Amino acid sequence: MRAFVALPCPPRLRAALGQALEAWRGAGTSVRWSRPEGVHLTLRFLGDDADRDRLEELGGRLGRAAAATPPLTLRPGPTGAFPGWGRARILWLGLEDRGGLVPLAAAVEEAARRAGFPAEERPFTPHLTLGRAKGARVPVPIVEAVRGWRPDTGEETVEEIVLYRSELGPAGPRHEPLARHSLSGGPS
């Protein structure tokens, strides 16, 4: 099955994203915009063919990593684009924290490798995907609208990591939580 480990999007930020995404949807159909209820910060994509045994082993390892990590305080960062603004295919919003996010991502990566998943080659970039180009790239007017946007929602606390199953469909991906793990470690 298609699976990944992620942090859910904090509620105030999800609401701000909903408003912005609705406005950008009106700019045309050349971008497949994310649905606010499905927005998350991916810590580790596990692939399209994750088997249940590896996911079960990973679940235990994620529980231990979460138990050693205090809740995270996140705030919106600047927007960005993959592979870059000049050839934008994916538009995203960065997230900033007080220092616990990168170590948590590293612990999740280690847990995934120990559970038998291949190592992730790309560097971790904490972001929320806003939209993906339907064609070769996102049109310049949309790039410019997103490029300067930064929600003023302030800091929010995230208290869990979630192992999700993802099903792709005509209306976009649908994510189903398989396991939730509380970030319950002491202060960092």
N, C-alpha and C. Protein backbone atom coordinates (compact mmCIF):
# COMPACT_ATOMS: atom_id res chain seq x y z
N MET A 1 0.83 -1.19 0.00
CA MET A 1 0.00 0.00 0.00
C MET A 1 0.87 1.24 0.00
N ARG A 2 0.31 2.35 -0.44
CA ARG A 2 1.01 3.64 -0.44
C ARG A 2 0.91 4.19 0.98
N ALA A 3 2.05 4.58 1.58
CA ALA A 3 2.04 5.02 2.98
C ALA A 3 3.09 6.09 3.22
N PHE A 4 2.86 6.86 4.29
CA PHE A 4 3.82 7.89 4.69
C PHE A 4 3.60 8.23 6.15
N VAL A 5 4.61 8.88 6.75
CA VAL A 5 4.55 9.35 8.14
C VAL A 5 4.54 10.88 8.09
N ALA A 6 3.63 11.50 8.84
CA ALA A 6 3.49 12.94 8.75
C ALA A 6 3.03 13.56 10.06
N LEU A 7 3.17 14.88 10.12
CA LEU A 7 2.57 15.69 11.17
C LEU A 7 1.29 16.28 10.60
N PRO A 8 0.19 16.24 11.34
CA PRO A 8 -1.01 16.91 10.84
C PRO A 8 -0.81 18.43 10.84
N CYS A 9 -1.51 19.10 9.96
CA CYS A 9 -1.44 20.56 9.88
C CYS A 9 -2.18 21.16 11.07
N PRO A 10 -1.59 22.12 11.78
CA PRO A 10 -2.27 22.75 12.92
C PRO A 10 -3.55 23.47 12.48
N PRO A 11 -4.56 23.56 13.35
CA PRO A 11 -5.88 24.05 12.94
C PRO A 11 -5.95 25.49 12.42
N ARG A 12 -5.29 26.45 13.06
CA ARG A 12 -5.35 27.83 12.56
C ARG A 12 -4.70 27.95 11.19
N LEU A 13 -3.59 27.24 11.03
CA LEU A 13 -2.91 27.27 9.74
C LEU A 13 -3.78 26.58 8.68
N ARG A 14 -4.44 25.47 9.02
CA ARG A 14 -5.32 24.80 8.07
C ARG A 14 -6.43 25.75 7.60
N ALA A 15 -6.99 26.53 8.53
CA ALA A 15 -8.04 27.48 8.16
C ALA A 15 -7.50 28.55 7.21
N ALA A 16 -6.31 29.08 7.49
CA ALA A 16 -5.71 30.09 6.62
C ALA A 16 -5.41 29.51 5.25
N LEU A 17 -4.93 28.27 5.22
CA LEU A 17 -4.68 27.60 3.95
C LEU A 17 -5.97 27.45 3.16
N GLY A 18 -7.04 27.08 3.85
CA GLY A 18 -8.32 26.92 3.17
C GLY A 18 -8.75 28.18 2.46
N GLN A 19 -8.60 29.33 3.10
CA GLN A 19 -8.97 30.60 2.48
C GLN A 19 -8.08 30.91 1.27
N ALA A 20 -6.78 30.74 1.44
CA ALA A 20 -5.85 31.04 0.35
C ALA A 20 -6.07 30.08 -0.82
N LEU A 21 -6.22 28.80 -0.53
CA LEU A 21 -6.40 27.82 -1.61
C LEU A 21 -7.68 28.10 -2.38
N GLU A 22 -8.72 28.50 -1.69
CA GLU A 22 -9.98 28.83 -2.37
C GLU A 22 -9.78 30.01 -3.32
N ALA A 23 -9.04 31.01 -2.90
CA ALA A 23 -8.77 32.17 -3.75
C ALA A 23 -7.92 31.76 -4.96
N TRP A 24 -6.91 30.95 -4.76
CA TRP A 24 -6.03 30.53 -5.85
C TRP A 24 -6.75 29.62 -6.83
N ARG A 25 -7.70 28.83 -6.35
CA ARG A 25 -8.47 27.96 -7.24
C ARG A 25 -9.18 28.77 -8.32
N GLY A 26 -9.58 29.98 -7.96
CA GLY A 26 -10.27 30.85 -8.90
C GLY A 26 -9.36 31.39 -10.00
N ALA A 27 -8.05 31.20 -9.87
CA ALA A 27 -7.10 31.73 -10.84
C ALA A 27 -6.94 30.84 -12.07
N GLY A 28 -7.62 29.71 -12.11
CA GLY A 28 -7.53 28.82 -13.26
C GLY A 28 -7.36 27.38 -12.85
N THR A 29 -7.35 26.52 -13.85
CA THR A 29 -7.32 25.08 -13.59
C THR A 29 -5.97 24.45 -13.93
N SER A 30 -4.92 25.25 -14.03
CA SER A 30 -3.61 24.72 -14.42
C SER A 30 -2.84 24.14 -13.23
N VAL A 31 -3.42 24.24 -12.03
CA VAL A 31 -2.78 23.70 -10.82
C VAL A 31 -3.78 22.81 -10.10
N ARG A 32 -3.32 21.66 -9.64
CA ARG A 32 -4.12 20.78 -8.80
C ARG A 32 -3.81 21.18 -7.35
N TRP A 33 -4.72 21.95 -6.75
CA TRP A 33 -4.51 22.49 -5.41
C TRP A 33 -4.81 21.44 -4.36
N SER A 34 -4.10 21.49 -3.25
CA SER A 34 -4.35 20.58 -2.13
C SER A 34 -5.69 20.90 -1.49
N ARG A 35 -6.30 19.89 -0.90
CA ARG A 35 -7.50 20.11 -0.09
C ARG A 35 -7.04 20.40 1.32
N PRO A 36 -7.55 21.45 1.98
CA PRO A 36 -7.07 21.82 3.32
C PRO A 36 -7.12 20.67 4.32
N GLU A 37 -8.15 19.84 4.26
CA GLU A 37 -8.27 18.74 5.22
C GLU A 37 -7.21 17.66 5.01
N GLY A 38 -6.56 17.66 3.85
CA GLY A 38 -5.54 16.66 3.59
C GLY A 38 -4.12 17.17 3.72
N VAL A 39 -3.95 18.44 4.05
CA VAL A 39 -2.61 19.02 4.14
C VAL A 39 -1.89 18.49 5.37
N HIS A 40 -0.63 18.14 5.19
CA HIS A 40 0.19 17.57 6.27
C HIS A 40 1.66 17.85 5.96
N LEU A 41 2.51 17.69 6.96
CA LEU A 41 3.95 17.82 6.77
C LEU A 41 4.53 16.41 6.73
N THR A 42 4.94 15.97 5.56
CA THR A 42 5.48 14.62 5.42
C THR A 42 6.86 14.55 6.06
N LEU A 43 6.99 13.63 7.00
CA LEU A 43 8.29 13.36 7.62
C LEU A 43 9.04 12.29 6.83
N ARG A 44 8.28 11.33 6.25
CA ARG A 44 8.91 10.24 5.49
C ARG A 44 7.89 9.57 4.60
N PHE A 45 8.10 9.62 3.29
CA PHE A 45 7.28 8.86 2.35
C PHE A 45 7.83 7.45 2.34
N LEU A 46 6.95 6.46 2.43
CA LEU A 46 7.37 5.07 2.54
C LEU A 46 7.24 4.29 1.23
N GLY A 47 6.63 4.89 0.24
CA GLY A 47 6.53 4.25 -1.06
C GLY A 47 5.12 3.80 -1.38
N ASP A 48 5.01 3.26 -2.60
CA ASP A 48 3.71 2.81 -3.10
C ASP A 48 3.43 1.34 -2.79
N ASP A 49 4.41 0.64 -2.28
CA ASP A 49 4.20 -0.79 -2.05
C ASP A 49 4.68 -1.23 -0.66
N ALA A 50 4.34 -0.44 0.35
CA ALA A 50 4.72 -0.77 1.73
C ALA A 50 3.90 -1.97 2.21
N ASP A 51 4.58 -3.00 2.67
CA ASP A 51 3.83 -4.18 3.13
C ASP A 51 3.48 -4.06 4.61
N ARG A 52 2.47 -4.80 5.02
CA ARG A 52 1.93 -4.70 6.38
C ARG A 52 2.96 -5.08 7.44
N ASP A 53 3.82 -6.06 7.19
CA ASP A 53 4.81 -6.47 8.19
C ASP A 53 5.79 -5.32 8.49
N ARG A 54 6.29 -4.69 7.42
CA ARG A 54 7.22 -3.57 7.64
C ARG A 54 6.51 -2.40 8.31
N LEU A 55 5.24 -2.16 7.93
CA LEU A 55 4.50 -1.06 8.55
C LEU A 55 4.25 -1.35 10.03
N GLU A 56 3.98 -2.60 10.36
CA GLU A 56 3.76 -2.96 11.77
C GLU A 56 5.04 -2.75 12.58
N GLU A 57 6.16 -3.19 12.03
CA GLU A 57 7.44 -2.98 12.73
C GLU A 57 7.74 -1.49 12.85
N LEU A 58 7.48 -0.74 11.79
CA LEU A 58 7.71 0.69 11.82
C LEU A 58 6.84 1.35 12.89
N GLY A 59 5.59 0.89 13.04
CA GLY A 59 4.69 1.47 14.03
C GLY A 59 5.30 1.46 15.43
N GLY A 60 5.88 0.34 15.83
CA GLY A 60 6.52 0.27 17.14
C GLY A 60 7.69 1.22 17.26
N ARG A 61 8.48 1.31 16.22
CA ARG A 61 9.64 2.20 16.22
C ARG A 61 9.21 3.67 16.25
N LEU A 62 8.13 3.99 15.53
CA LEU A 62 7.61 5.36 15.56
C LEU A 62 7.11 5.72 16.95
N GLY A 63 6.46 4.77 17.61
CA GLY A 63 5.98 5.01 18.97
C GLY A 63 7.12 5.39 19.91
N ARG A 64 8.24 4.69 19.79
CA ARG A 64 9.40 5.01 20.64
C ARG A 64 10.00 6.37 20.29
N ALA A 65 10.07 6.67 18.99
CA ALA A 65 10.61 7.98 18.57
C ALA A 65 9.70 9.11 19.06
N ALA A 66 8.39 8.92 18.96
CA ALA A 66 7.44 9.95 19.41
C ALA A 66 7.51 10.13 20.92
N ALA A 67 7.66 9.03 21.64
CA ALA A 67 7.71 9.11 23.10
C ALA A 67 8.96 9.86 23.59
N ALA A 68 9.98 9.91 22.76
CA ALA A 68 11.22 10.61 23.13
C ALA A 68 11.23 12.06 22.66
N THR A 69 10.17 12.49 21.97
CA THR A 69 10.12 13.83 21.38
C THR A 69 9.03 14.66 22.03
N PRO A 70 9.36 15.86 22.50
CA PRO A 70 8.30 16.73 23.05
C PRO A 70 7.41 17.27 21.93
N PRO A 71 6.21 17.73 22.26
CA PRO A 71 5.36 18.38 21.25
C PRO A 71 6.14 19.48 20.54
N LEU A 72 5.83 19.69 19.27
CA LEU A 72 6.54 20.67 18.46
C LEU A 72 5.74 21.96 18.35
N THR A 73 6.43 23.07 18.40
CA THR A 73 5.81 24.37 18.18
C THR A 73 6.22 24.83 16.79
N LEU A 74 5.24 24.94 15.89
CA LEU A 74 5.49 25.28 14.50
C LEU A 74 4.87 26.63 14.15
N ARG A 75 5.47 27.29 13.19
CA ARG A 75 4.91 28.54 12.66
C ARG A 75 5.16 28.54 11.15
N PRO A 76 4.29 29.24 10.39
CA PRO A 76 4.48 29.30 8.94
C PRO A 76 5.78 29.99 8.58
N GLY A 77 6.44 29.47 7.57
CA GLY A 77 7.64 30.08 7.01
C GLY A 77 7.32 30.65 5.65
N PRO A 78 8.34 30.92 4.86
CA PRO A 78 8.10 31.45 3.52
C PRO A 78 7.61 30.35 2.57
N THR A 79 7.05 30.77 1.44
CA THR A 79 6.65 29.81 0.42
C THR A 79 7.86 29.44 -0.42
N GLY A 80 7.73 28.35 -1.15
CA GLY A 80 8.80 27.89 -2.02
C GLY A 80 8.22 27.09 -3.17
N ALA A 81 9.11 26.63 -4.05
CA ALA A 81 8.70 25.86 -5.21
C ALA A 81 9.76 24.81 -5.50
N PHE A 82 9.30 23.63 -5.92
CA PHE A 82 10.22 22.58 -6.40
C PHE A 82 10.05 22.51 -7.91
N PRO A 83 11.09 22.45 -8.72
CA PRO A 83 12.49 22.48 -8.32
C PRO A 83 13.01 23.87 -8.01
N GLY A 84 12.26 24.92 -8.35
CA GLY A 84 12.64 26.30 -8.04
C GLY A 84 11.57 27.21 -8.62
N TRP A 85 11.61 28.48 -8.25
CA TRP A 85 10.59 29.42 -8.71
C TRP A 85 10.55 29.54 -10.22
N GLY A 86 11.67 29.49 -10.89
CA GLY A 86 11.71 29.65 -12.34
C GLY A 86 11.09 28.51 -13.12
N ARG A 87 11.03 27.33 -12.52
CA ARG A 87 10.44 26.15 -13.18
C ARG A 87 9.48 25.45 -12.23
N ALA A 88 8.69 26.20 -11.52
CA ALA A 88 7.84 25.65 -10.45
C ALA A 88 6.91 24.57 -10.94
N ARG A 89 7.01 23.39 -10.33
CA ARG A 89 6.07 22.28 -10.56
C ARG A 89 5.23 22.03 -9.31
N ILE A 90 5.83 22.27 -8.15
CA ILE A 90 5.14 22.09 -6.87
C ILE A 90 5.31 23.37 -6.06
N LEU A 91 4.20 23.90 -5.56
CA LEU A 91 4.23 25.08 -4.70
C LEU A 91 4.03 24.64 -3.26
N TRP A 92 4.77 25.23 -2.33
CA TRP A 92 4.69 24.80 -0.94
C TRP A 92 4.87 25.96 0.02
N LEU A 93 4.45 25.68 1.26
CA LEU A 93 4.64 26.62 2.37
C LEU A 93 5.61 25.97 3.35
N GLY A 94 6.69 26.67 3.66
CA GLY A 94 7.65 26.16 4.62
C GLY A 94 7.12 26.26 6.04
N LEU A 95 7.65 25.42 6.92
CA LEU A 95 7.33 25.48 8.35
C LEU A 95 8.62 25.63 9.13
N GLU A 96 8.55 26.45 10.17
CA GLU A 96 9.70 26.68 11.04
C GLU A 96 9.32 26.23 12.45
N ASP A 97 10.33 25.86 13.22
CA ASP A 97 10.08 25.41 14.59
C ASP A 97 11.22 25.87 15.49
N ARG A 98 11.19 25.40 16.72
CA ARG A 98 12.22 25.79 17.70
C ARG A 98 13.37 24.79 17.78
N GLY A 99 13.46 23.91 16.83
CA GLY A 99 14.61 23.01 16.79
C GLY A 99 14.31 21.54 16.91
N GLY A 100 13.09 21.13 17.14
CA GLY A 100 12.79 19.71 17.31
C GLY A 100 12.38 18.98 16.05
N LEU A 101 12.03 19.72 15.00
CA LEU A 101 11.49 19.09 13.79
C LEU A 101 12.53 18.27 13.03
N VAL A 102 13.70 18.82 12.82
CA VAL A 102 14.74 18.10 12.08
C VAL A 102 15.18 16.84 12.84
N PRO A 103 15.41 16.89 14.16
CA PRO A 103 15.74 15.66 14.87
C PRO A 103 14.60 14.62 14.81
N LEU A 104 13.35 15.07 14.85
CA LEU A 104 12.23 14.12 14.73
C LEU A 104 12.25 13.47 13.35
N ALA A 105 12.45 14.26 12.29
CA ALA A 105 12.52 13.70 10.94
C ALA A 105 13.66 12.69 10.83
N ALA A 106 14.79 12.98 11.47
CA ALA A 106 15.92 12.04 11.45
C ALA A 106 15.57 10.75 12.20
N ALA A 107 14.85 10.87 13.32
CA ALA A 107 14.43 9.67 14.08
C ALA A 107 13.44 8.84 13.27
N VAL A 108 12.54 9.50 12.55
CA VAL A 108 11.58 8.78 11.70
C VAL A 108 12.32 8.10 10.55
N GLU A 109 13.29 8.77 9.97
CA GLU A 109 14.09 8.17 8.90
C GLU A 109 14.82 6.93 9.41
N GLU A 110 15.43 7.03 10.58
CA GLU A 110 16.14 5.89 11.18
C GLU A 110 15.16 4.74 11.46
N ALA A 111 13.99 5.06 11.98
CA ALA A 111 12.98 4.02 12.24
C ALA A 111 12.57 3.34 10.94
N ALA A 112 12.39 4.11 9.88
CA ALA A 112 11.99 3.53 8.59
C ALA A 112 13.08 2.61 8.04
N ARG A 113 14.32 3.03 8.11
CA ARG A 113 15.41 2.17 7.62
C ARG A 113 15.52 0.89 8.43
N ARG A 114 15.39 1.01 9.77
CA ARG A 114 15.47 -0.19 10.61
C ARG A 114 14.30 -1.14 10.39
N ALA A 115 13.18 -0.60 9.91
CA ALA A 115 12.02 -1.44 9.60
C ALA A 115 12.10 -2.02 8.19
N GLY A 116 13.18 -1.72 7.47
CA GLY A 116 13.39 -2.33 6.17
C GLY A 116 13.07 -1.47 4.96
N PHE A 117 12.76 -0.20 5.17
CA PHE A 117 12.51 0.70 4.05
C PHE A 117 13.83 1.25 3.54
N PRO A 118 13.97 1.45 2.23
CA PRO A 118 15.22 2.01 1.72
C PRO A 118 15.44 3.44 2.22
N ALA A 119 16.70 3.83 2.29
CA ALA A 119 17.05 5.16 2.77
C ALA A 119 16.49 6.23 1.84
N GLU A 120 16.06 7.34 2.42
CA GLU A 120 15.59 8.49 1.64
C GLU A 120 16.81 9.26 1.17
N GLU A 121 16.88 9.52 -0.12
CA GLU A 121 18.05 10.20 -0.70
C GLU A 121 17.92 11.72 -0.65
N ARG A 122 16.69 12.23 -0.68
CA ARG A 122 16.50 13.68 -0.72
C ARG A 122 16.62 14.26 0.68
N PRO A 123 17.16 15.48 0.79
CA PRO A 123 17.23 16.12 2.10
C PRO A 123 15.83 16.48 2.59
N PHE A 124 15.65 16.50 3.90
CA PHE A 124 14.36 16.85 4.49
C PHE A 124 14.13 18.35 4.35
N THR A 125 13.00 18.72 3.77
CA THR A 125 12.59 20.12 3.64
C THR A 125 11.21 20.24 4.26
N PRO A 126 11.10 20.79 5.47
CA PRO A 126 9.78 20.86 6.13
C PRO A 126 8.84 21.80 5.39
N HIS A 127 7.79 21.22 4.79
CA HIS A 127 6.87 22.02 4.00
C HIS A 127 5.49 21.37 3.92
N LEU A 128 4.52 22.19 3.57
CA LEU A 128 3.16 21.75 3.27
C LEU A 128 2.95 21.99 1.79
N THR A 129 2.56 20.96 1.05
CA THR A 129 2.32 21.11 -0.38
C THR A 129 1.02 21.87 -0.60
N LEU A 130 1.11 22.96 -1.35
CA LEU A 130 -0.06 23.78 -1.66
C LEU A 130 -0.71 23.34 -2.96
N GLY A 131 0.10 23.05 -3.98
CA GLY A 131 -0.45 22.64 -5.26
C GLY A 131 0.62 22.12 -6.19
N ARG A 132 0.18 21.40 -7.23
CA ARG A 132 1.07 20.81 -8.22
C ARG A 132 0.61 21.21 -9.61
N ALA A 133 1.58 21.48 -10.49
CA ALA A 133 1.25 21.84 -11.86
C ALA A 133 0.58 20.66 -12.56
N LYS A 134 -0.43 20.95 -13.35
CA LYS A 134 -1.05 19.92 -14.17
C LYS A 134 -0.28 19.73 -15.47
N GLY A 135 0.44 20.76 -15.88
CA GLY A 135 1.24 20.70 -17.10
C GLY A 135 2.72 20.72 -16.76
N ALA A 136 3.49 21.35 -17.64
CA ALA A 136 4.95 21.39 -17.48
C ALA A 136 5.37 22.20 -16.26
N ARG A 137 4.64 23.29 -15.99
CA ARG A 137 4.99 24.12 -14.83
C ARG A 137 3.81 25.00 -14.47
N VAL A 138 3.90 25.57 -13.27
CA VAL A 138 2.86 26.47 -12.78
C VAL A 138 2.98 27.80 -13.53
N PRO A 139 1.86 28.35 -14.03
CA PRO A 139 1.92 29.63 -14.74
C PRO A 139 2.45 30.75 -13.84
N VAL A 140 3.16 31.70 -14.46
CA VAL A 140 3.82 32.79 -13.74
C VAL A 140 2.86 33.59 -12.85
N PRO A 141 1.66 33.95 -13.29
CA PRO A 141 0.79 34.73 -12.40
C PRO A 141 0.45 33.99 -11.10
N ILE A 142 0.28 32.69 -11.18
CA ILE A 142 -0.01 31.91 -9.97
C ILE A 142 1.24 31.83 -9.10
N VAL A 143 2.40 31.62 -9.72
CA VAL A 143 3.66 31.59 -8.97
C VAL A 143 3.81 32.89 -8.19
N GLU A 144 3.55 34.01 -8.84
CA GLU A 144 3.72 35.30 -8.17
C GLU A 144 2.72 35.50 -7.04
N ALA A 145 1.50 35.01 -7.20
CA ALA A 145 0.49 35.13 -6.14
C ALA A 145 0.91 34.34 -4.91
N VAL A 146 1.45 33.15 -5.12
CA VAL A 146 1.84 32.29 -4.00
C VAL A 146 3.17 32.72 -3.40
N ARG A 147 4.06 33.20 -4.22
CA ARG A 147 5.44 33.52 -3.79
C ARG A 147 5.49 34.49 -2.62
N GLY A 148 4.65 35.46 -2.58
CA GLY A 148 4.71 36.45 -1.51
C GLY A 148 3.78 36.18 -0.34
N TRP A 149 3.07 35.07 -0.38
CA TRP A 149 2.06 34.78 0.65
C TRP A 149 2.72 34.18 1.89
N ARG A 150 2.29 34.63 3.05
CA ARG A 150 2.74 34.03 4.31
C ARG A 150 1.64 34.28 5.33
N PRO A 151 0.97 33.22 5.77
CA PRO A 151 -0.13 33.41 6.73
C PRO A 151 0.39 33.91 8.07
N ASP A 152 -0.41 34.73 8.71
CA ASP A 152 -0.05 35.29 10.01
C ASP A 152 -0.83 34.56 11.10
N THR A 153 -0.61 33.26 11.22
CA THR A 153 -1.35 32.46 12.19
C THR A 153 -0.57 32.26 13.50
N GLY A 154 0.68 32.68 13.52
CA GLY A 154 1.48 32.52 14.74
C GLY A 154 1.90 31.08 14.97
N GLU A 155 2.41 30.84 16.16
CA GLU A 155 2.87 29.50 16.53
C GLU A 155 1.69 28.61 16.95
N GLU A 156 1.81 27.33 16.60
CA GLU A 156 0.83 26.33 17.02
C GLU A 156 1.58 25.07 17.42
N THR A 157 0.99 24.32 18.32
CA THR A 157 1.62 23.10 18.81
C THR A 157 1.05 21.88 18.09
N VAL A 158 1.95 20.99 17.70
CA VAL A 158 1.58 19.70 17.11
C VAL A 158 2.00 18.64 18.10
N GLU A 159 1.07 17.76 18.46
CA GLU A 159 1.32 16.80 19.54
C GLU A 159 1.34 15.35 19.10
N GLU A 160 1.35 15.08 17.78
CA GLU A 160 1.38 13.69 17.33
C GLU A 160 2.01 13.57 15.96
N ILE A 161 2.51 12.36 15.70
CA ILE A 161 2.87 11.97 14.34
C ILE A 161 1.89 10.89 13.93
N VAL A 162 1.65 10.79 12.63
CA VAL A 162 0.64 9.86 12.14
C VAL A 162 1.22 9.04 10.99
N LEU A 163 0.98 7.73 11.05
CA LEU A 163 1.30 6.84 9.94
C LEU A 163 0.03 6.76 9.10
N TYR A 164 0.11 7.21 7.85
CA TYR A 164 -1.04 7.27 6.96
C TYR A 164 -0.95 6.26 5.83
N ARG A 165 -2.10 5.79 5.43
CA ARG A 165 -2.27 5.06 4.18
C ARG A 165 -2.86 6.07 3.20
N SER A 166 -2.42 6.06 1.97
CA SER A 166 -2.90 7.03 0.98
C SER A 166 -3.44 6.29 -0.23
N GLU A 167 -4.61 6.70 -0.66
CA GLU A 167 -5.21 6.14 -1.88
C GLU A 167 -5.39 7.28 -2.87
N LEU A 168 -4.86 7.08 -4.07
CA LEU A 168 -4.99 8.08 -5.12
C LEU A 168 -6.31 7.86 -5.84
N GLY A 169 -6.99 8.96 -6.14
CA GLY A 169 -8.27 8.87 -6.84
C GLY A 169 -8.47 10.08 -7.71
N PRO A 170 -9.56 10.09 -8.50
CA PRO A 170 -9.81 11.20 -9.40
C PRO A 170 -10.00 12.54 -8.68
N ALA A 171 -10.49 12.51 -7.45
CA ALA A 171 -10.69 13.75 -6.68
C ALA A 171 -9.44 14.13 -5.89
N GLY A 172 -8.35 13.41 -6.10
CA GLY A 172 -7.12 13.66 -5.36
C GLY A 172 -6.89 12.56 -4.34
N PRO A 173 -5.76 12.61 -3.63
CA PRO A 173 -5.45 11.55 -2.66
C PRO A 173 -6.36 11.62 -1.43
N ARG A 174 -6.64 10.45 -0.88
CA ARG A 174 -7.39 10.35 0.37
C ARG A 174 -6.46 9.66 1.38
N HIS A 175 -6.29 10.28 2.54
CA HIS A 175 -5.35 9.78 3.55
C HIS A 175 -6.13 9.20 4.72
N GLU A 176 -5.78 7.98 5.09
CA GLU A 176 -6.42 7.30 6.21
C GLU A 176 -5.37 7.01 7.28
N PRO A 177 -5.56 7.50 8.51
CA PRO A 177 -4.60 7.21 9.57
C PRO A 177 -4.58 5.72 9.90
N LEU A 178 -3.38 5.13 9.92
CA LEU A 178 -3.22 3.75 10.34
C LEU A 178 -2.80 3.68 11.81
N ALA A 179 -2.02 4.66 12.25
CA ALA A 179 -1.56 4.70 13.65
C ALA A 179 -1.21 6.14 14.00
N ARG A 180 -1.50 6.51 15.24
CA ARG A 180 -1.16 7.83 15.77
C ARG A 180 -0.24 7.63 16.97
N HIS A 181 0.78 8.47 17.08
CA HIS A 181 1.73 8.38 18.17
C HIS A 181 1.92 9.76 18.79
N SER A 182 1.66 9.88 20.09
CA SER A 182 1.79 11.16 20.79
C SER A 182 3.24 11.55 20.96
N LEU A 183 3.52 12.81 20.69
CA LEU A 183 4.82 13.39 20.99
C LEU A 183 4.79 13.71 22.47
N SER A 184 5.40 12.87 23.26
CA SER A 184 5.22 12.97 24.72
C SER A 184 6.52 13.09 25.50
N GLY A 185 7.63 13.33 24.81
CA GLY A 185 8.91 13.47 25.51
C GLY A 185 8.96 14.75 26.31
N GLY A 186 9.93 14.84 27.20
CA GLY A 186 10.10 16.04 28.02
C GLY A 186 10.57 17.22 27.20
N PRO A 187 10.69 18.38 27.81
CA PRO A 187 11.15 19.59 27.09
C PRO A 187 12.52 19.35 26.49
N SER A 188 12.71 19.93 25.29
CA SER A 188 14.00 19.76 24.63
C SER A 188 15.03 20.74 25.12
